[in-house]
Protein backbone atom coordinates (compact mmCIF):
# COMPACT_ATOMS: atom_id res chain seq x y z
CA MET A 1 -0.01 0.01 -0.04
CA THR A 2 1.30 3.44 -0.90
CA LEU A 3 1.62 6.29 1.59
CA VAL A 4 -0.97 8.31 -0.28
CA LYS A 5 -3.52 5.52 -0.14
CA ALA A 6 -2.74 4.51 3.45
CA LEU A 7 -3.28 8.10 4.66
CA GLY A 8 -6.37 8.60 2.53
CA LEU A 9 -4.93 11.51 0.56
CA GLU A 10 -6.20 10.59 -2.88
CA GLU A 11 -8.54 13.59 -3.04
CA ALA A 12 -6.67 15.96 -0.72
CA ARG A 13 -5.53 19.17 -2.32
CA LEU A 14 -4.15 21.33 0.56
CA VAL A 15 -2.45 19.14 3.23
CA ALA A 16 -1.07 20.51 6.47
CA LEU A 17 1.44 18.42 8.41
CA THR A 18 1.76 18.87 12.21
CA GLY A 19 3.52 17.27 15.09
CA ALA A 20 7.06 15.84 15.22
CA GLY A 21 9.15 12.84 14.33
CA GLY A 22 9.25 13.03 10.54
CA LYS A 23 7.04 15.81 9.16
CA SER A 24 9.60 17.00 6.63
CA SER A 25 10.49 13.48 5.53
CA LEU A 26 6.82 12.60 5.08
CA MET A 27 6.16 15.84 3.18
CA PHE A 28 8.98 15.22 0.72
CA ALA A 29 7.96 11.56 0.28
CA LEU A 30 4.37 12.62 -0.51
CA ALA A 31 5.64 15.30 -2.96
CA LYS A 32 7.65 12.67 -4.84
CA ALA A 33 4.67 10.25 -4.88
CA PHE A 34 2.29 12.92 -6.28
CA ALA A 35 4.85 14.11 -8.81
CA ALA A 36 5.46 10.57 -9.97
CA GLY A 37 1.78 10.42 -10.82
CA GLY A 38 2.09 13.49 -13.06
CA GLU A 39 0.79 16.08 -10.61
CA ARG A 40 2.22 19.52 -9.92
CA VAL A 41 3.18 19.95 -6.29
CA LEU A 42 4.02 22.91 -4.12
CA ILE A 43 5.99 22.40 -0.88
CA THR A 44 6.05 25.20 1.63
CA THR A 45 5.61 26.05 5.32
CA THR A 46 3.64 28.42 7.50
CA THR A 47 6.45 28.37 10.05
CA LYS A 48 10.17 27.60 9.47
CA MET A 49 12.12 24.65 8.09
CA ALA A 50 15.78 23.67 8.25
CA LYS A 51 17.61 25.43 5.45
CA GLU A 52 19.35 22.30 4.18
CA GLN A 53 15.94 20.81 3.42
CA ALA A 54 15.41 23.43 0.70
CA THR A 55 17.93 21.55 -1.48
CA GLY A 56 16.59 18.66 -3.47
CA PRO A 57 15.25 17.44 -6.80
CA TRP A 58 12.80 20.33 -7.16
CA GLN A 59 12.74 23.97 -8.15
CA THR A 60 13.45 26.19 -5.12
CA VAL A 61 11.86 29.64 -5.13
CA GLN A 62 12.40 32.46 -2.72
CA ALA A 63 9.56 34.93 -3.24
CA ALA A 64 7.92 37.56 -1.07
CA ASP A 65 4.29 36.48 -1.43
CA ALA A 66 1.87 34.23 -3.26
CA GLN A 67 1.85 36.35 -6.39
CA ALA A 68 5.67 36.27 -6.60
CA VAL A 69 5.67 32.51 -6.11
CA MET A 70 3.30 32.07 -9.06
CA ALA A 71 5.42 34.36 -11.20
CA ALA A 72 8.69 32.64 -10.39
CA ALA A 73 7.60 28.97 -10.42
CA ASP A 74 8.63 27.19 -13.63
CA ALA A 75 5.57 25.78 -15.39
CA ALA A 76 7.62 22.70 -16.27
CA ALA A 77 8.60 21.93 -12.66
CA ASN A 78 6.66 19.05 -11.15
CA VAL A 79 7.73 20.04 -7.63
CA VAL A 80 8.33 23.55 -6.37
CA LEU A 81 9.60 24.39 -2.89
CA ALA A 82 8.79 28.01 -2.00
CA PHE A 83 9.76 30.15 0.95
CA ARG A 84 9.58 33.82 1.82
CA ASP A 85 12.84 34.57 3.65
CA THR A 86 15.76 33.03 5.48
CA ASP A 87 16.75 33.09 9.15
CA GLU A 88 20.48 32.74 8.76
CA ALA A 89 21.20 32.77 12.52
CA ARG A 90 19.06 29.65 12.97
CA GLY A 91 19.77 28.06 9.63
CA LYS A 92 16.05 28.15 8.70
CA ILE A 93 13.91 29.10 5.77
CA VAL A 94 10.77 31.15 6.58
CA GLY A 95 7.43 30.36 5.02
CA TYR A 96 4.14 32.17 4.33
CA PRO A 97 1.21 33.31 6.39
CA PRO A 98 -2.03 31.33 5.85
CA ASP A 99 -3.50 34.11 3.61
CA ASP A 100 -0.73 33.54 1.06
CA ILE A 101 -1.35 29.81 1.17
CA ALA A 102 -5.02 30.43 0.52
CA ARG A 103 -4.11 32.56 -2.53
CA LEU A 104 -1.81 29.84 -3.87
CA ALA A 105 -4.53 27.22 -3.43
CA ALA A 106 -7.16 29.43 -5.09
CA SER A 107 -4.87 29.99 -8.07
CA ARG A 108 -5.10 26.31 -9.07
CA ARG A 109 -1.48 26.52 -10.35
CA PHE A 110 -0.66 23.42 -8.30
CA THR A 111 -2.73 20.28 -8.00
CA ARG A 112 -1.37 19.55 -4.54
CA ILE A 113 -0.02 21.90 -1.86
CA LEU A 114 1.87 20.37 1.06
CA VAL A 115 2.41 22.66 4.09
CA GLU A 116 4.64 22.00 7.06
CA ALA A 117 2.52 23.74 9.69
CA ASP A 118 4.52 23.05 12.83
CA GLY A 119 7.95 23.06 14.39
CA SER A 120 9.34 20.51 16.78
CA ALA A 121 13.04 21.33 17.41
CA ARG A 122 13.95 17.85 16.10
CA ARG A 123 12.17 16.04 18.99
CA PRO A 124 10.21 12.86 18.16
CA LEU A 125 7.05 14.17 19.92
CA LYS A 126 5.42 17.53 20.46
CA ALA A 127 2.66 19.33 22.29
CA PRO A 128 1.58 22.64 20.57
CA ALA A 129 1.53 26.02 22.26
CA ASP A 130 -1.45 28.33 21.91
CA HIS A 131 -0.16 29.82 18.61
CA GLU A 132 0.57 26.34 17.09
CA PRO A 133 0.22 24.67 14.69
CA VAL A 134 -0.36 27.24 11.94
CA ILE A 135 -2.88 25.32 9.82
CA PRO A 136 -4.32 27.17 6.77
CA ALA A 137 -8.06 27.70 7.05
CA ASP A 138 -8.45 26.19 3.56
CA ALA A 139 -6.64 22.95 4.44
CA ASP A 140 -8.78 19.94 3.52
CA PHE A 141 -6.51 17.37 5.24
CA VAL A 142 -4.32 17.42 8.32
CA VAL A 143 -1.70 14.77 8.86
CA MET A 144 -0.47 14.54 12.48
CA VAL A 145 3.00 12.99 12.75
CA ALA A 146 4.51 11.35 15.83
CA GLY A 147 7.79 9.54 16.28
CA ALA A 148 7.58 6.19 18.07
CA LYS A 149 11.15 6.80 19.13
CA GLY A 150 9.74 8.98 21.95
CA LEU A 151 7.35 6.35 23.34
CA GLY A 152 8.61 4.76 26.53
CA ARG A 153 11.18 7.47 27.12
CA PRO A 154 10.87 9.96 30.00
CA LEU A 155 8.58 12.92 29.44
CA SER A 156 11.26 15.61 29.25
CA GLN A 157 12.78 18.22 26.94
CA ASP A 158 14.89 15.57 25.30
CA THR A 159 11.84 13.57 24.15
CA VAL A 160 8.96 16.03 23.81
CA PHE A 161 8.94 19.59 22.55
CA ARG A 162 7.02 21.44 25.22
CA PRO A 163 6.78 18.54 27.71
CA GLU A 164 4.91 20.62 30.30
CA LEU A 165 2.07 21.07 27.83
CA TRP A 166 2.08 17.38 27.04
CA ALA A 167 1.78 16.67 30.78
CA GLY A 168 -1.05 19.19 31.20
CA ARG A 169 -3.11 17.82 28.30
CA THR A 170 -2.58 14.11 28.92
CA GLY A 171 -2.31 13.85 32.72
CA LEU A 172 1.10 12.20 32.41
CA ALA A 173 3.60 13.33 35.07
CA LEU A 174 6.87 14.94 33.95
CA GLY A 175 9.63 12.40 34.03
CA SER A 176 7.28 9.42 33.53
CA PRO A 177 7.62 7.19 30.47
CA VAL A 178 5.65 8.59 27.55
CA THR A 179 2.82 6.17 26.99
CA ALA A 180 0.86 5.13 23.92
CA LEU A 181 -2.32 6.35 25.70
CA SER A 182 -0.86 9.84 26.14
CA LEU A 183 -0.01 10.02 22.41
CA ALA A 184 -3.56 8.92 21.55
CA ARG A 185 -4.88 11.62 23.82
CA MET A 186 -2.75 14.21 22.06
CA ALA A 187 -4.18 13.12 18.74
CA VAL A 188 -7.81 13.60 19.78
CA ASP A 189 -7.56 16.54 22.19
CA PRO A 190 -8.98 19.80 20.70
CA ASP A 191 -5.74 21.50 21.83
CA GLY A 192 -3.56 18.65 20.65
CA LEU A 193 -1.76 17.80 17.44
CA ALA A 194 -4.58 19.04 15.18
CA ARG A 195 -5.25 22.21 17.21
CA GLY A 196 -6.95 24.84 15.02
CA ALA A 197 -7.67 22.44 12.13
CA PRO A 198 -10.76 23.30 10.07
CA GLU A 199 -13.71 21.29 11.23
CA ARG A 200 -14.33 19.99 7.73
CA ALA A 201 -10.74 18.83 7.21
CA LYS A 202 -10.06 15.12 7.32
CA ARG A 203 -7.35 13.91 9.72
CA ALA A 204 -4.84 11.15 9.81
CA LEU A 205 -2.22 10.16 12.40
CA PHE A 206 1.08 8.80 11.11
CA VAL A 207 3.20 7.11 13.76
CA ASN A 208 6.73 6.99 12.34
CA GLN A 209 10.10 5.60 13.51
CA THR A 210 8.80 2.07 14.23
CA ASP A 211 12.34 0.69 13.81
CA ASP A 212 12.17 -2.13 16.26
CA PRO A 213 9.54 -4.49 17.82
CA VAL A 214 9.25 -2.42 21.00
CA ARG A 215 8.49 0.84 19.12
CA LEU A 216 6.14 -1.00 16.74
CA ALA A 217 4.16 -2.46 19.66
CA ALA A 218 3.88 0.96 21.27
CA ALA A 219 2.66 2.47 18.03
CA LEU A 220 0.05 -0.25 17.58
CA ARG A 221 -1.17 0.34 21.15
CA THR A 222 -1.62 4.01 20.28
CA VAL A 223 -3.93 2.99 17.43
CA GLU A 224 -5.90 0.71 19.72
CA HIS A 225 -6.41 3.54 22.22
CA LEU A 226 -7.72 5.85 19.53
CA GLY A 227 -10.71 3.61 19.00
CA VAL A 228 -11.90 3.67 22.62
CA ILE A 229 -10.85 6.91 24.36
CA GLY A 230 -13.49 9.17 22.85
CA GLY A 231 -12.93 12.59 21.29
CA ARG A 232 -12.50 13.13 17.59
CA ALA A 233 -10.39 10.22 16.37
CA PRO A 234 -8.51 10.71 13.13
CA ASP A 235 -10.09 9.30 10.01
CA ARG A 236 -7.01 7.09 9.55
CA ALA A 237 -4.12 5.96 11.72
CA VAL A 238 -1.06 4.66 9.95
CA VAL A 239 1.95 2.96 11.54
CA GLY A 240 5.20 2.70 9.63
CA ARG A 241 8.58 4.21 8.87
CA LEU A 242 10.05 6.50 6.29
CA LEU A 243 13.74 5.66 6.57
CA PRO A 244 15.78 3.92 5.26
CA ARG A 245 12.85 3.12 3.02
CA ILE A 246 9.11 3.70 3.21
CA GLU A 247 7.19 0.88 4.90
CA ILE A 248 3.50 0.82 5.87
CA LEU A 249 3.06 -1.69 8.68
CA HIS A 250 -0.49 -1.05 9.81
CA CYS A 251 -3.47 1.07 8.75
CA ALA A 252 -6.72 1.61 10.66
CA HIS A 253 -9.91 3.48 9.79
CA PHE A 254 -12.11 5.22 12.35
């Protein structure tokens, strides 16, 4: 099964990716998959991304706003990565406000727009602050990403970006092992991984980094919890890994 099919993205046009533990890798994998099918894809962010990630087999465009992106994008390019500015001190590229994303979507210049809508300081897990994630109002699909690498490790700054918020929203004590149940709670909580998502947008949870039997078992327990804890469960939950190669190990529908 392909990533696109597993996540249920066949009809999605504006996809926002949130969370931690592989957002960028997933976004680039999806871009390649869509482009391989002959579609024109825009990659961008509403926050910041590591600067080295701007280099790849795509056209890279630095442009001030949506209109400038459309003017600069090569019509022959299957994949375009666009950003507004650079933050040299932090080695980041800076993306666009949601209004610009809406204009790009309305232009129909791209058949798919993939937006990294969250930052995670390279931690495998994340709890969003009040201003996060920055999901465009026109997003029709939100993919929440979590790294199984963080499950079973202590709830601390080394494992979770904003651990105090994770503790407050899940009831898990700081320093305790991060449980599959707490991840499931973050996926369904209104202030969790899909915080601020449009009500009409479909949702999927992708649990990445299932590199060994222990992580895989924890990821599968997360999916089991989603079906029984209440709240708005994602439409899909997918367990797998992106590196060294893409593997889909489990897919559930809710």
